[in-house]
Amino acid sequence: MIQGFNRGGQRAMGMIRIELVIGDLKSNTLFHVIDAKTSYNLLLGMPWVHENGIVLSTLHQCFKFYRGGVKKILGDVKPFIEAESYFADSKFYINEDVASEVIPVEVHSTGQDIPRKD
């Protein structure tokens, strides 16, 4: 049973093992196949991340791993086009200078230390 973002469960149609190649990373990966409308083709979960020694950065939209040296894989800057986007998947990829939920505020330093509480 696979839980979705809407908390609904769905049974997998089957499983397939694929030699996944992402840049310099090669991994023999087991995928559970479902019938669902999403704007992504696959999800790589935390077991895959840990098994491959991946260090994720959602801030920088990349991941790093070690294979004979540190390797870095960059994510897509704009992974969705409007025609294929689903709101839950693409909300944070909208091309805006400032998200409407965030109010930019500049805080200036007073140059004074914060008193310690013992």
PDB file of N, CA and C in Angstrom:
ATOM      1  N   MET A   1       0.854  -1.177   0.000  1.00  0.00           N
ATOM      2  CA  MET A   1       0.000   0.000   0.000  1.00  0.00           C
ATOM      3  C   MET A   1       0.895   1.233   0.000  1.00  0.00           C
ATOM      4  N   ILE A   2       0.634   2.155  -0.897  1.00  0.00           N
ATOM      5  CA  ILE A   2       1.423   3.388  -1.010  1.00  0.00           C
ATOM      6  C   ILE A   2       0.540   4.559  -0.615  1.00  0.00           C
ATOM      7  N   GLN A   3       1.009   5.339   0.364  1.00  0.00           N
ATOM      8  CA  GLN A   3       0.252   6.495   0.831  1.00  0.00           C
ATOM      9  C   GLN A   3       0.568   7.694  -0.050  1.00  0.00           C
ATOM     10  N   GLY A   4      -0.481   8.408  -0.485  1.00  0.00           N
ATOM     11  CA  GLY A   4      -0.306   9.608  -1.292  1.00  0.00           C
ATOM     12  C   GLY A   4      -0.320  10.857  -0.439  1.00  0.00           C
ATOM     13  N   PHE A   5      -0.126  12.001  -1.074  1.00  0.00           N
ATOM     14  CA  PHE A   5      -0.131  13.278  -0.362  1.00  0.00           C
ATOM     15  C   PHE A   5      -1.518  13.598   0.189  1.00  0.00           C
ATOM     16  N   ASN A   6      -2.549  13.026  -0.420  1.00  0.00           N
ATOM     17  CA  ASN A   6      -3.920  13.259   0.052  1.00  0.00           C
ATOM     18  C   ASN A   6      -4.319  12.253   1.125  1.00  0.00           C
ATOM     19  N   ARG A   7      -3.351  11.506   1.627  1.00  0.00           N
ATOM     20  CA  ARG A   7      -3.536  10.468   2.649  1.00  0.00           C
ATOM     21  C   ARG A   7      -4.346   9.274   2.171  1.00  0.00           C
ATOM     22  N   GLY A   8      -4.611   9.225   0.895  1.00  0.00           N
ATOM     23  CA  GLY A   8      -5.296   8.069   0.336  1.00  0.00           C
ATOM     24  C   GLY A   8      -4.281   6.991  -0.001  1.00  0.00           C
ATOM     25  N   GLY A   9      -4.674   5.759   0.190  1.00  0.00           N
ATOM     26  CA  GLY A   9      -3.784   4.650  -0.119  1.00  0.00           C
ATOM     27  C   GLY A   9      -4.057   4.098  -1.505  1.00  0.00           C
ATOM     28  N   GLN A  10      -3.035   3.547  -2.107  1.00  0.00           N
ATOM     29  CA  GLN A  10      -3.161   2.951  -3.440  1.00  0.00           C
ATOM     30  C   GLN A  10      -2.237   1.749  -3.520  1.00  0.00           C
ATOM     31  N   ARG A  11      -2.749   0.674  -4.057  1.00  0.00           N
ATOM     32  CA  ARG A  11      -1.933  -0.525  -4.235  1.00  0.00           C
ATOM     33  C   ARG A  11      -1.051  -0.369  -5.466  1.00  0.00           C
ATOM     34  N   ALA A  12       0.167  -0.852  -5.349  1.00  0.00           N
ATOM     35  CA  ALA A  12       1.090  -0.825  -6.481  1.00  0.00           C
ATOM     36  C   ALA A  12       0.619  -1.824  -7.532  1.00  0.00           C
ATOM     37  N   MET A  13       0.769  -1.433  -8.807  1.00  0.00           N
ATOM     38  CA  MET A  13       0.432  -2.325  -9.912  1.00  0.00           C
ATOM     39  C   MET A  13       1.482  -3.425 -10.051  1.00  0.00           C
ATOM     40  N   GLY A  14       2.681  -3.113  -9.587  1.00  0.00           N
ATOM     41  CA  GLY A  14       3.781  -4.060  -9.668  1.00  0.00           C
ATOM     42  C   GLY A  14       5.076  -3.382  -9.274  1.00  0.00           C
ATOM     43  N   MET A  15       6.160  -4.103  -9.455  1.00  0.00           N
ATOM     44  CA  MET A  15       7.483  -3.565  -9.141  1.00  0.00           C
ATOM     45  C   MET A  15       8.406  -3.841 -10.312  1.00  0.00           C
ATOM     46  N   ILE A  16       9.407  -2.966 -10.458  1.00  0.00           N
ATOM     47  CA  ILE A  16      10.394  -3.153 -11.510  1.00  0.00           C
ATOM     48  C   ILE A  16      11.753  -2.718 -10.965  1.00  0.00           C
ATOM     49  N   ARG A  17      12.785  -3.499 -11.267  1.00  0.00           N
ATOM     50  CA  ARG A  17      14.149  -3.163 -10.858  1.00  0.00           C
ATOM     51  C   ARG A  17      14.863  -2.618 -12.090  1.00  0.00           C
ATOM     52  N   ILE A  18      15.443  -1.426 -11.921  1.00  0.00           N
ATOM     53  CA  ILE A  18      16.078  -0.720 -13.036  1.00  0.00           C
ATOM     54  C   ILE A  18      17.459  -0.249 -12.616  1.00  0.00           C
ATOM     55  N   GLU A  19      18.405  -0.299 -13.549  1.00  0.00           N
ATOM     56  CA  GLU A  19      19.722   0.301 -13.327  1.00  0.00           C
ATOM     57  C   GLU A  19      19.559   1.801 -13.563  1.00  0.00           C
ATOM     58  N   LEU A  20      19.468   2.562 -12.482  1.00  0.00           N
ATOM     59  CA  LEU A  20      19.231   4.001 -12.519  1.00  0.00           C
ATOM     60  C   LEU A  20      20.570   4.715 -12.668  1.00  0.00           C
ATOM     61  N   VAL A  21      20.675   5.612 -13.658  1.00  0.00           N
ATOM     62  CA  VAL A  21      21.897   6.383 -13.872  1.00  0.00           C
ATOM     63  C   VAL A  21      21.549   7.860 -13.797  1.00  0.00           C
ATOM     64  N   ILE A  22      22.140   8.559 -12.816  1.00  0.00           N
ATOM     65  CA  ILE A  22      21.959   9.995 -12.663  1.00  0.00           C
ATOM     66  C   ILE A  22      23.357  10.597 -12.636  1.00  0.00           C
ATOM     67  N   GLY A  23      23.772  11.199 -13.733  1.00  0.00           N
ATOM     68  CA  GLY A  23      25.142  11.713 -13.819  1.00  0.00           C
ATOM     69  C   GLY A  23      26.129  10.581 -13.644  1.00  0.00           C
ATOM     70  N   ASP A  24      27.025  10.714 -12.667  1.00  0.00           N
ATOM     71  CA  ASP A  24      28.025   9.679 -12.390  1.00  0.00           C
ATOM     72  C   ASP A  24      27.529   8.602 -11.425  1.00  0.00           C
ATOM     73  N   LEU A  25      26.301   8.747 -10.938  1.00  0.00           N
ATOM     74  CA  LEU A  25      25.757   7.791  -9.971  1.00  0.00           C
ATOM     75  C   LEU A  25      24.989   6.695 -10.690  1.00  0.00           C
ATOM     76  N   LYS A  26      25.382   5.450 -10.433  1.00  0.00           N
ATOM     77  CA  LYS A  26      24.663   4.288 -10.967  1.00  0.00           C
ATOM     78  C   LYS A  26      24.153   3.489  -9.787  1.00  0.00           C
ATOM     79  N   SER A  27      22.868   3.129  -9.845  1.00  0.00           N
ATOM     80  CA  SER A  27      22.253   2.430  -8.723  1.00  0.00           C
ATOM     81  C   SER A  27      21.207   1.450  -9.236  1.00  0.00           C
ATOM     82  N   ASN A  28      21.281   0.212  -8.760  1.00  0.00           N
ATOM     83  CA  ASN A  28      20.275  -0.794  -9.079  1.00  0.00           C
ATOM     84  C   ASN A  28      19.095  -0.541  -8.142  1.00  0.00           C
ATOM     85  N   THR A  29      17.969  -0.055  -8.673  1.00  0.00           N
ATOM     86  CA  THR A  29      16.889   0.492  -7.850  1.00  0.00           C
ATOM     87  C   THR A  29      15.569  -0.219  -8.116  1.00  0.00           C
ATOM     88  N   LEU A  30      14.849  -0.533  -7.028  1.00  0.00           N
ATOM     89  CA  LEU A  30      13.537  -1.161  -7.119  1.00  0.00           C
ATOM     90  C   LEU A  30      12.463  -0.068  -7.062  1.00  0.00           C
ATOM     91  N   PHE A  31      11.586  -0.037  -8.048  1.00  0.00           N
ATOM     92  CA  PHE A  31      10.503   0.943  -8.102  1.00  0.00           C
ATOM     93  C   PHE A  31       9.157   0.236  -7.976  1.00  0.00           C
ATOM     94  N   HIS A  32       8.232   0.862  -7.249  1.00  0.00           N
ATOM     95  CA  HIS A  32       6.858   0.410  -7.163  1.00  0.00           C
ATOM     96  C   HIS A  32       6.071   1.234  -8.182  1.00  0.00           C
ATOM     97  N   VAL A  33       5.334   0.569  -9.054  1.00  0.00           N
ATOM     98  CA  VAL A  33       4.607   1.240 -10.140  1.00  0.00           C
ATOM     99  C   VAL A  33       3.157   1.464  -9.713  1.00  0.00           C
ATOM    100  N   ILE A  34       2.677   2.717  -9.861  1.00  0.00           N
ATOM    101  CA  ILE A  34       1.291   3.049  -9.543  1.00  0.00           C
ATOM    102  C   ILE A  34       0.652   3.751 -10.730  1.00  0.00           C
ATOM    103  N   ASP A  35      -0.655   3.792 -10.753  1.00  0.00           N
ATOM    104  CA  ASP A  35      -1.407   4.504 -11.786  1.00  0.00           C
ATOM    105  C   ASP A  35      -1.928   5.791 -11.156  1.00  0.00           C
ATOM    106  N   ALA A  36      -1.221   6.903 -11.373  1.00  0.00           N
ATOM    107  CA  ALA A  36      -1.605   8.175 -10.763  1.00  0.00           C
ATOM    108  C   ALA A  36      -1.171   9.324 -11.661  1.00  0.00           C
ATOM    109  N   LYS A  37      -1.933  10.421 -11.587  1.00  0.00           N
ATOM    110  CA  LYS A  37      -1.581  11.624 -12.343  1.00  0.00           C
ATOM    111  C   LYS A  37      -0.679  12.493 -11.476  1.00  0.00           C
ATOM    112  N   THR A  38       0.579  12.578 -11.871  1.00  0.00           N
ATOM    113  CA  THR A  38       1.541  13.436 -11.188  1.00  0.00           C
ATOM    114  C   THR A  38       2.410  14.104 -12.243  1.00  0.00           C
ATOM    115  N   SER A  39       3.117  15.144 -11.857  1.00  0.00           N
ATOM    116  CA  SER A  39       4.008  15.813 -12.802  1.00  0.00           C
ATOM    117  C   SER A  39       5.429  15.264 -12.709  1.00  0.00           C
ATOM    118  N   TYR A  40       5.637  14.231 -11.904  1.00  0.00           N
ATOM    119  CA  TYR A  40       6.943  13.590 -11.818  1.00  0.00           C
ATOM    120  C   TYR A  40       6.795  12.147 -12.277  1.00  0.00           C
ATOM    121  N   ASN A  41       7.895  11.565 -12.673  1.00  0.00           N
ATOM    122  CA  ASN A  41       7.881  10.189 -13.160  1.00  0.00           C
ATOM    123  C   ASN A  41       8.282   9.167 -12.105  1.00  0.00           C
ATOM    124  N   LEU A  42       9.042   9.618 -11.096  1.00  0.00           N
ATOM    125  CA  LEU A  42       9.455   8.698 -10.050  1.00  0.00           C
ATOM    126  C   LEU A  42       9.810   9.478  -8.794  1.00  0.00           C
ATOM    127  N   LEU A  43       9.756   8.787  -7.676  1.00  0.00           N
ATOM    128  CA  LEU A  43      10.179   9.336  -6.391  1.00  0.00           C
ATOM    129  C   LEU A  43      11.277   8.453  -5.837  1.00  0.00           C
ATOM    130  N   LEU A  44      12.337   9.084  -5.357  1.00  0.00           N
ATOM    131  CA  LEU A  44      13.418   8.351  -4.712  1.00  0.00           C
ATOM    132  C   LEU A  44      13.329   8.642  -3.227  1.00  0.00           C
ATOM    133  N   GLY A  45      13.081   7.628  -2.433  1.00  0.00           N
ATOM    134  CA  GLY A  45      12.843   7.810  -1.004  1.00  0.00           C
ATOM    135  C   GLY A  45      14.117   7.794  -0.170  1.00  0.00           C
ATOM    136  N   MET A  46      13.923   7.972   1.125  1.00  0.00           N
ATOM    137  CA  MET A  46      15.045   8.023   2.053  1.00  0.00           C
ATOM    138  C   MET A  46      15.860   6.724   2.089  1.00  0.00           C
ATOM    139  N   PRO A  47      15.271   5.537   1.942  1.00  0.00           N
ATOM    140  CA  PRO A  47      16.121   4.339   1.890  1.00  0.00           C
ATOM    141  C   PRO A  47      17.121   4.399   0.725  1.00  0.00           C
ATOM    142  N   TRP A  48      16.693   4.887  -0.441  1.00  0.00           N
ATOM    143  CA  TRP A  48      17.588   5.026  -1.593  1.00  0.00           C
ATOM    144  C   TRP A  48      18.664   6.074  -1.297  1.00  0.00           C
ATOM    145  N   VAL A  49      18.264   7.183  -0.701  1.00  0.00           N
ATOM    146  CA  VAL A  49      19.197   8.258  -0.357  1.00  0.00           C
ATOM    147  C   VAL A  49      20.279   7.724   0.583  1.00  0.00           C
ATOM    148  N   HIS A  50      19.880   7.015   1.631  1.00  0.00           N
ATOM    149  CA  HIS A  50      20.848   6.485   2.599  1.00  0.00           C
ATOM    150  C   HIS A  50      21.721   5.396   1.991  1.00  0.00           C
ATOM    151  N   GLU A  51      21.122   4.522   1.216  1.00  0.00           N
ATOM    152  CA  GLU A  51      21.868   3.422   0.595  1.00  0.00           C
ATOM    153  C   GLU A  51      22.981   3.935  -0.315  1.00  0.00           C
ATOM    154  N   ASN A  52      22.752   5.069  -0.962  1.00  0.00           N
ATOM    155  CA  ASN A  52      23.718   5.620  -1.910  1.00  0.00           C
ATOM    156  C   ASN A  52      24.575   6.743  -1.317  1.00  0.00           C
ATOM    157  N   GLY A  53      24.447   6.995  -0.016  1.00  0.00           N
ATOM    158  CA  GLY A  53      25.280   7.999   0.639  1.00  0.00           C
ATOM    159  C   GLY A  53      25.045   9.404   0.109  1.00  0.00           C
ATOM    160  N   ILE A  54      23.798   9.710  -0.193  1.00  0.00           N
ATOM    161  CA  ILE A  54      23.444  10.999  -0.788  1.00  0.00           C
ATOM    162  C   ILE A  54      23.304  12.061   0.301  1.00  0.00           C
ATOM    163  N   VAL A  55      23.794  13.271   0.010  1.00  0.00           N
ATOM    164  CA  VAL A  55      23.562  14.438   0.859  1.00  0.00           C
ATOM    165  C   VAL A  55      22.706  15.399   0.029  1.00  0.00           C
ATOM    166  N   LEU A  56      21.459  15.608   0.489  1.00  0.00           N
ATOM    167  CA  LEU A  56      20.495  16.427  -0.260  1.00  0.00           C
ATOM    168  C   LEU A  56      20.570  17.887   0.149  1.00  0.00           C
ATOM    169  N   SER A  57      20.308  18.782  -0.808  1.00  0.00           N
ATOM    170  CA  SER A  57      20.149  20.201  -0.495  1.00  0.00           C
ATOM    171  C   SER A  57      18.955  20.719  -1.272  1.00  0.00           C
ATOM    172  N   THR A  58      17.829  20.884  -0.581  1.00  0.00           N
ATOM    173  CA  THR A  58      16.658  21.455  -1.257  1.00  0.00           C
ATOM    174  C   THR A  58      16.880  22.933  -1.525  1.00  0.00           C
ATOM    175  N   LEU A  59      17.659  23.611  -0.670  1.00  0.00           N
ATOM    176  CA  LEU A  59      17.953  25.024  -0.879  1.00  0.00           C
ATOM    177  C   LEU A  59      18.700  25.236  -2.193  1.00  0.00           C
ATOM    178  N   HIS A  60      19.701  24.404  -2.460  1.00  0.00           N
ATOM    179  CA  HIS A  60      20.516  24.560  -3.661  1.00  0.00           C
ATOM    180  C   HIS A  60      20.049  23.673  -4.817  1.00  0.00           C
ATOM    181  N   GLN A  61      18.961  22.915  -4.604  1.00  0.00           N
ATOM    182  CA  GLN A  61      18.406  22.031  -5.630  1.00  0.00           C
ATOM    183  C   GLN A  61      19.488  21.143  -6.245  1.00  0.00           C
ATOM    184  N   CYS A  62      20.173  20.415  -5.370  1.00  0.00           N
ATOM    185  CA  CYS A  62      21.206  19.495  -5.835  1.00  0.00           C
ATOM    186  C   CYS A  62      21.389  18.392  -4.793  1.00  0.00           C
ATOM    187  N   PHE A  63      22.173  17.397  -5.160  1.00  0.00           N
ATOM    188  CA  PHE A  63      22.630  16.438  -4.161  1.00  0.00           C
ATOM    189  C   PHE A  63      24.070  16.074  -4.446  1.00  0.00           C
ATOM    190  N   LYS A  64      24.763  15.634  -3.394  1.00  0.00           N
ATOM    191  CA  LYS A  64      26.158  15.225  -3.512  1.00  0.00           C
ATOM    192  C   LYS A  64      26.303  13.801  -2.999  1.00  0.00           C
ATOM    193  N   PHE A  65      27.333  13.130  -3.505  1.00  0.00           N
ATOM    194  CA  PHE A  65      27.652  11.778  -3.066  1.00  0.00           C
ATOM    195  C   PHE A  65      29.138  11.542  -3.310  1.00  0.00           C
ATOM    196  N   TYR A  66      29.665  10.482  -2.726  1.00  0.00           N
ATOM    197  CA  TYR A  66      31.082  10.181  -2.863  1.00  0.00           C
ATOM    198  C   TYR A  66      31.272   8.896  -3.651  1.00  0.00           C
ATOM    199  N   ARG A  67      31.940   8.982  -4.776  1.00  0.00           N
ATOM    200  CA  ARG A  67      32.343   7.823  -5.584  1.00  0.00           C
ATOM    201  C   ARG A  67      33.710   8.161  -6.181  1.00  0.00           C
ATOM    202  N   GLY A  68      34.789   7.849  -5.458  1.00  0.00           N
ATOM    203  CA  GLY A  68      36.132   8.202  -5.925  1.00  0.00           C
ATOM    204  C   GLY A  68      36.345   9.707  -5.916  1.00  0.00           C
ATOM    205  N   GLY A  69      35.659  10.400  -5.053  1.00  0.00           N
ATOM    206  CA  GLY A  69      35.680  11.860  -4.949  1.00  0.00           C
ATOM    207  C   GLY A  69      34.249  12.352  -4.796  1.00  0.00           C
ATOM    208  N   VAL A  70      34.097  13.590  -4.379  1.00  0.00           N
ATOM    209  CA  VAL A  70      32.757  14.154  -4.189  1.00  0.00           C
ATOM    210  C   VAL A  70      32.168  14.516  -5.542  1.00  0.00           C
ATOM    211  N   LYS A  71      30.970  14.038  -5.798  1.00  0.00           N
ATOM    212  CA  LYS A  71      30.247  14.324  -7.053  1.00  0.00           C
ATOM    213  C   LYS A  71      29.003  15.124  -6.716  1.00  0.00           C
ATOM    214  N   LYS A  72      28.619  16.023  -7.616  1.00  0.00           N
ATOM    215  CA  LYS A  72      27.458  16.889  -7.395  1.00  0.00           C
ATOM    216  C   LYS A  72      26.518  16.785  -8.594  1.00  0.00           C
ATOM    217  N   ILE A  73      25.233  16.579  -8.314  1.00  0.00           N
ATOM    218  CA  ILE A  73      24.205  16.521  -9.347  1.00  0.00           C
ATOM    219  C   ILE A  73      23.248  17.683  -9.128  1.00  0.00           C
ATOM    220  N   LEU A  74      23.096  18.536 -10.128  1.00  0.00           N
ATOM    221  CA  LEU A  74      22.192  19.684 -10.039  1.00  0.00           C
ATOM    222  C   LEU A  74      20.797  19.294 -10.491  1.00  0.00           C
ATOM    223  N   GLY A  75      19.779  19.831  -9.824  1.00  0.00           N
ATOM    224  CA  GLY A  75      18.398  19.612 -10.215  1.00  0.00           C
ATOM    225  C   GLY A  75      17.972  20.619 -11.278  1.00  0.00           C
ATOM    226  N   ASP A  76      16.794  20.414 -11.843  1.00  0.00           N
ATOM    227  CA  ASP A  76      16.245  21.355 -12.811  1.00  0.00           C
ATOM    228  C   ASP A  76      15.833  22.638 -12.110  1.00  0.00           C
ATOM    229  N   VAL A  77      16.170  23.783 -12.701  1.00  0.00           N
ATOM    230  CA  VAL A  77      15.762  25.063 -12.132  1.00  0.00           C
ATOM    231  C   VAL A  77      14.254  25.245 -12.286  1.00  0.00           C
ATOM    232  N   LYS A  78      13.710  24.873 -13.438  1.00  0.00           N
ATOM    233  CA  LYS A  78      12.267  24.935 -13.678  1.00  0.00           C
ATOM    234  C   LYS A  78      11.811  23.548 -14.123  1.00  0.00           C
ATOM    235  N   PRO A  79      11.522  22.662 -13.173  1.00  0.00           N
ATOM    236  CA  PRO A  79      11.212  21.280 -13.537  1.00  0.00           C
ATOM    237  C   PRO A  79       9.851  21.084 -14.185  1.00  0.00           C
ATOM    238  N   PHE A  80       8.942  22.044 -14.066  1.00  0.00           N
ATOM    239  CA  PHE A  80       7.594  21.876 -14.599  1.00  0.00           C
ATOM    240  C   PHE A  80       7.291  22.942 -15.635  1.00  0.00           C
ATOM    241  N   ILE A  81       6.505  22.573 -16.635  1.00  0.00           N
ATOM    242  CA  ILE A  81       5.917  23.579 -17.511  1.00  0.00           C
ATOM    243  C   ILE A  81       4.464  23.716 -17.081  1.00  0.00           C
ATOM    244  N   GLU A  82       3.867  24.855 -17.336  1.00  0.00           N
ATOM    245  CA  GLU A  82       2.524  25.121 -16.828  1.00  0.00           C
ATOM    246  C   GLU A  82       1.507  24.066 -17.243  1.00  0.00           C
ATOM    247  N   ALA A  83       1.638  23.535 -18.447  1.00  0.00           N
ATOM    248  CA  ALA A  83       0.666  22.574 -18.963  1.00  0.00           C
ATOM    249  C   ALA A  83       0.674  21.261 -18.191  1.00  0.00           C
ATOM    250  N   GLU A  84       1.811  20.888 -17.600  1.00  0.00           N
ATOM    251  CA  GLU A  84       1.877  19.600 -16.928  1.00  0.00           C
ATOM    252  C   GLU A  84       1.935  19.714 -15.407  1.00  0.00           C
ATOM    253  N   SER A  85       1.797  20.914 -14.896  1.00  0.00           N
ATOM    254  CA  SER A  85       1.932  21.133 -13.458  1.00  0.00           C
ATOM    255  C   SER A  85       0.665  20.787 -12.700  1.00  0.00           C
ATOM    256  N   TYR A  86       0.853  20.188 -11.547  1.00  0.00           N
ATOM    257  CA  TYR A  86      -0.207  19.979 -10.590  1.00  0.00           C
ATOM    258  C   TYR A  86       0.107  20.894  -9.418  1.00  0.00           C
ATOM    259  N   PHE A  87      -0.891  21.551  -8.856  1.00  0.00           N
ATOM    260  CA  PHE A  87      -0.666  22.589  -7.859  1.00  0.00           C
ATOM    261  C   PHE A  87       0.251  22.128  -6.731  1.00  0.00           C
ATOM    262  N   ALA A  88      -0.003  20.971  -6.178  1.00  0.00           N
ATOM    263  CA  ALA A  88       0.789  20.492  -5.043  1.00  0.00           C
ATOM    264  C   ALA A  88       2.249  20.287  -5.413  1.00  0.00           C
ATOM    265  N   ASP A  89       2.515  19.948  -6.667  1.00  0.00           N
ATOM    266  CA  ASP A  89       3.880  19.681  -7.112  1.00  0.00           C
ATOM    267  C   ASP A  89       4.645  20.949  -7.482  1.00  0.00           C
ATOM    268  N   SER A  90       3.965  21.953  -7.997  1.00  0.00           N
ATOM    269  CA  SER A  90       4.658  23.076  -8.606  1.00  0.00           C
ATOM    270  C   SER A  90       4.481  24.410  -7.901  1.00  0.00           C
ATOM    271  N   LYS A  91       3.784  24.447  -6.789  1.00  0.00           N
ATOM    272  CA  LYS A  91       3.505  25.690  -6.092  1.00  0.00           C
ATOM    273  C   LYS A  91       4.757  26.522  -5.848  1.00  0.00           C
ATOM    274  N   PHE A  92       5.846  25.892  -5.455  1.00  0.00           N
ATOM    275  CA  PHE A  92       7.043  26.625  -5.083  1.00  0.00           C
ATOM    276  C   PHE A  92       7.991  26.863  -6.256  1.00  0.00           C
ATOM    277  N   TYR A  93       7.597  26.494  -7.460  1.00  0.00           N
ATOM    278  CA  TYR A  93       8.429  26.730  -8.630  1.00  0.00           C
ATOM    279  C   TYR A  93       7.890  27.868  -9.488  1.00  0.00           C
ATOM    280  N   ILE A  94       6.856  28.563  -9.006  1.00  0.00           N
ATOM    281  CA  ILE A  94       6.278  29.672  -9.754  1.00  0.00           C
ATOM    282  C   ILE A  94       7.331  30.758  -9.867  1.00  0.00           C
ATOM    283  N   ASN A  95       7.447  31.359 -11.051  1.00  0.00           N
ATOM    284  CA  ASN A  95       8.479  32.350 -11.311  1.00  0.00           C
ATOM    285  C   ASN A  95       8.064  33.706 -10.766  1.00  0.00           C
ATOM    286  N   GLU A  96       8.362  33.943  -9.500  1.00  0.00           N
ATOM    287  CA  GLU A  96       8.096  35.219  -8.845  1.00  0.00           C
ATOM    288  C   GLU A  96       9.353  35.632  -8.118  1.00  0.00           C
ATOM    289  N   ASP A  97       9.579  36.961  -8.013  1.00  0.00           N
ATOM    290  CA  ASP A  97      10.754  37.429  -7.275  1.00  0.00           C
ATOM    291  C   ASP A  97      10.618  37.139  -5.787  1.00  0.00           C
ATOM    292  N   VAL A  98       9.433  37.367  -5.236  1.00  0.00           N
ATOM    293  CA  VAL A  98       9.186  37.121  -3.817  1.00  0.00           C
ATOM    294  C   VAL A  98       7.873  36.362  -3.695  1.00  0.00           C
ATOM    295  N   ALA A  99       7.890  35.263  -2.962  1.00  0.00           N
ATOM    296  CA  ALA A  99       6.661  34.501  -2.759  1.00  0.00           C
ATOM    297  C   ALA A  99       5.677  35.348  -1.961  1.00  0.00           C
ATOM    298  N   SER A 100       4.397  35.232  -2.265  1.00  0.00           N
ATOM    299  CA  SER A 100       3.390  36.050  -1.600  1.00  0.00           C
ATOM    300  C   SER A 100       3.266  35.732  -0.112  1.00  0.00           C
ATOM    301  N   GLU A 101       3.706  34.548   0.318  1.00  0.00           N
ATOM    302  CA  GLU A 101       3.611  34.177   1.727  1.00  0.00           C
ATOM    303  C   GLU A 101       4.726  34.796   2.561  1.00  0.00           C
ATOM    304  N   VAL A 102       5.743  35.370   1.908  1.00  0.00           N
ATOM    305  CA  VAL A 102       6.905  35.888   2.614  1.00  0.00           C
ATOM    306  C   VAL A 102       6.967  37.399   2.457  1.00  0.00           C
ATOM    307  N   ILE A 103       7.137  38.100   3.557  1.00  0.00           N
ATOM    308  CA  ILE A 103       7.295  39.547   3.528  1.00  0.00           C
ATOM    309  C   ILE A 103       8.766  39.838   3.800  1.00  0.00           C
ATOM    310  N   PRO A 104       9.482  40.418   2.810  1.00  0.00           N
ATOM    311  CA  PRO A 104      10.905  40.665   3.032  1.00  0.00           C
ATOM    312  C   PRO A 104      11.113  41.751   4.090  1.00  0.00           C
ATOM    313  N   VAL A 105      11.999  41.477   5.036  1.00  0.00           N
ATOM    314  CA  VAL A 105      12.300  42.421   6.108  1.00  0.00           C
ATOM    315  C   VAL A 105      13.808  42.477   6.271  1.00  0.00           C
ATOM    316  N   GLU A 106      14.353  43.690   6.379  1.00  0.00           N
ATOM    317  CA  GLU A 106      15.774  43.850   6.615  1.00  0.00           C
ATOM    318  C   GLU A 106      15.973  44.193   8.083  1.00  0.00           C
ATOM    319  N   VAL A 107      16.800  43.422   8.766  1.00  0.00           N
ATOM    320  CA  VAL A 107      17.065  43.647  10.185  1.00  0.00           C
ATOM    321  C   VAL A 107      18.514  44.086  10.313  1.00  0.00           C
ATOM    322  N   HIS A 108      18.729  45.282  10.873  1.00  0.00           N
ATOM    323  CA  HIS A 108      20.076  45.818  11.028  1.00  0.00           C
ATOM    324  C   HIS A 108      20.640  45.440  12.383  1.00  0.00           C
ATOM    325  N   SER A 109      21.938  45.197  12.439  1.00  0.00           N
ATOM    326  CA  SER A 109      22.605  44.851  13.681  1.00  0.00           C
ATOM    327  C   SER A 109      22.781  46.096  14.542  1.00  0.00           C
ATOM    328  N   THR A 110      22.630  45.930  15.855  1.00  0.00           N
ATOM    329  CA  THR A 110      22.878  47.033  16.787  1.00  0.00           C
ATOM    330  C   THR A 110      24.340  47.109  17.161  1.00  0.00           C
ATOM    331  N   GLY A 111      25.102  46.068  16.842  1.00  0.00           N
ATOM    332  CA  GLY A 111      26.516  46.026  17.175  1.00  0.00           C
ATOM    333  C   GLY A 111      26.767  45.646  18.618  1.00  0.00           C
ATOM    334  N   GLN A 112      25.719  45.298  19.359  1.00  0.00           N
ATOM    335  CA  GLN A 112      25.862  44.964  20.775  1.00  0.00           C
ATOM    336  C   GLN A 112      25.667  43.461  20.960  1.00  0.00           C
ATOM    337  N   ASP A 113      26.384  42.914  21.931  1.00  0.00           N
ATOM    338  CA  ASP A 113      26.236  41.507  22.270  1.00  0.00           C
ATOM    339  C   ASP A 113      24.907  41.262  22.965  1.00  0.00           C
ATOM    340  N   ILE A 114      24.376  40.091  22.778  1.00  0.00           N
ATOM    341  CA  ILE A 114      23.151  39.696  23.496  1.00  0.00           C
ATOM    342  C   ILE A 114      23.578  39.216  24.880  1.00  0.00           C
ATOM    343  N   PRO A 115      22.957  39.759  25.945  1.00  0.00           N
ATOM    344  CA  PRO A 115      23.345  39.331  27.295  1.00  0.00           C
ATOM    345  C   PRO A 115      23.076  37.851  27.501  1.00  0.00           C
ATOM    346  N   ARG A 116      24.009  37.156  28.162  1.00  0.00           N
ATOM    347  CA  ARG A 116      23.840  35.727  28.451  1.00  0.00           C
ATOM    348  C   ARG A 116      22.975  35.536  29.667  1.00  0.00           C
ATOM    349  N   LYS A 117      22.132  34.523  29.618  1.00  0.00           N
ATOM    350  CA  LYS A 117      21.316  34.160  30.775  1.00  0.00           C
ATOM    351  C   LYS A 117      21.913  32.896  31.377  1.00  0.00           C
ATOM    352  N   ASP A 118      22.290  32.982  32.637  1.00  0.00           N
ATOM    353  CA  ASP A 118      22.884  31.813  33.303  1.00  0.00           C
ATOM    354  C   ASP A 118      21.872  31.028  34.055  1.00  0.00           C
TER     355      ASP A 118
END
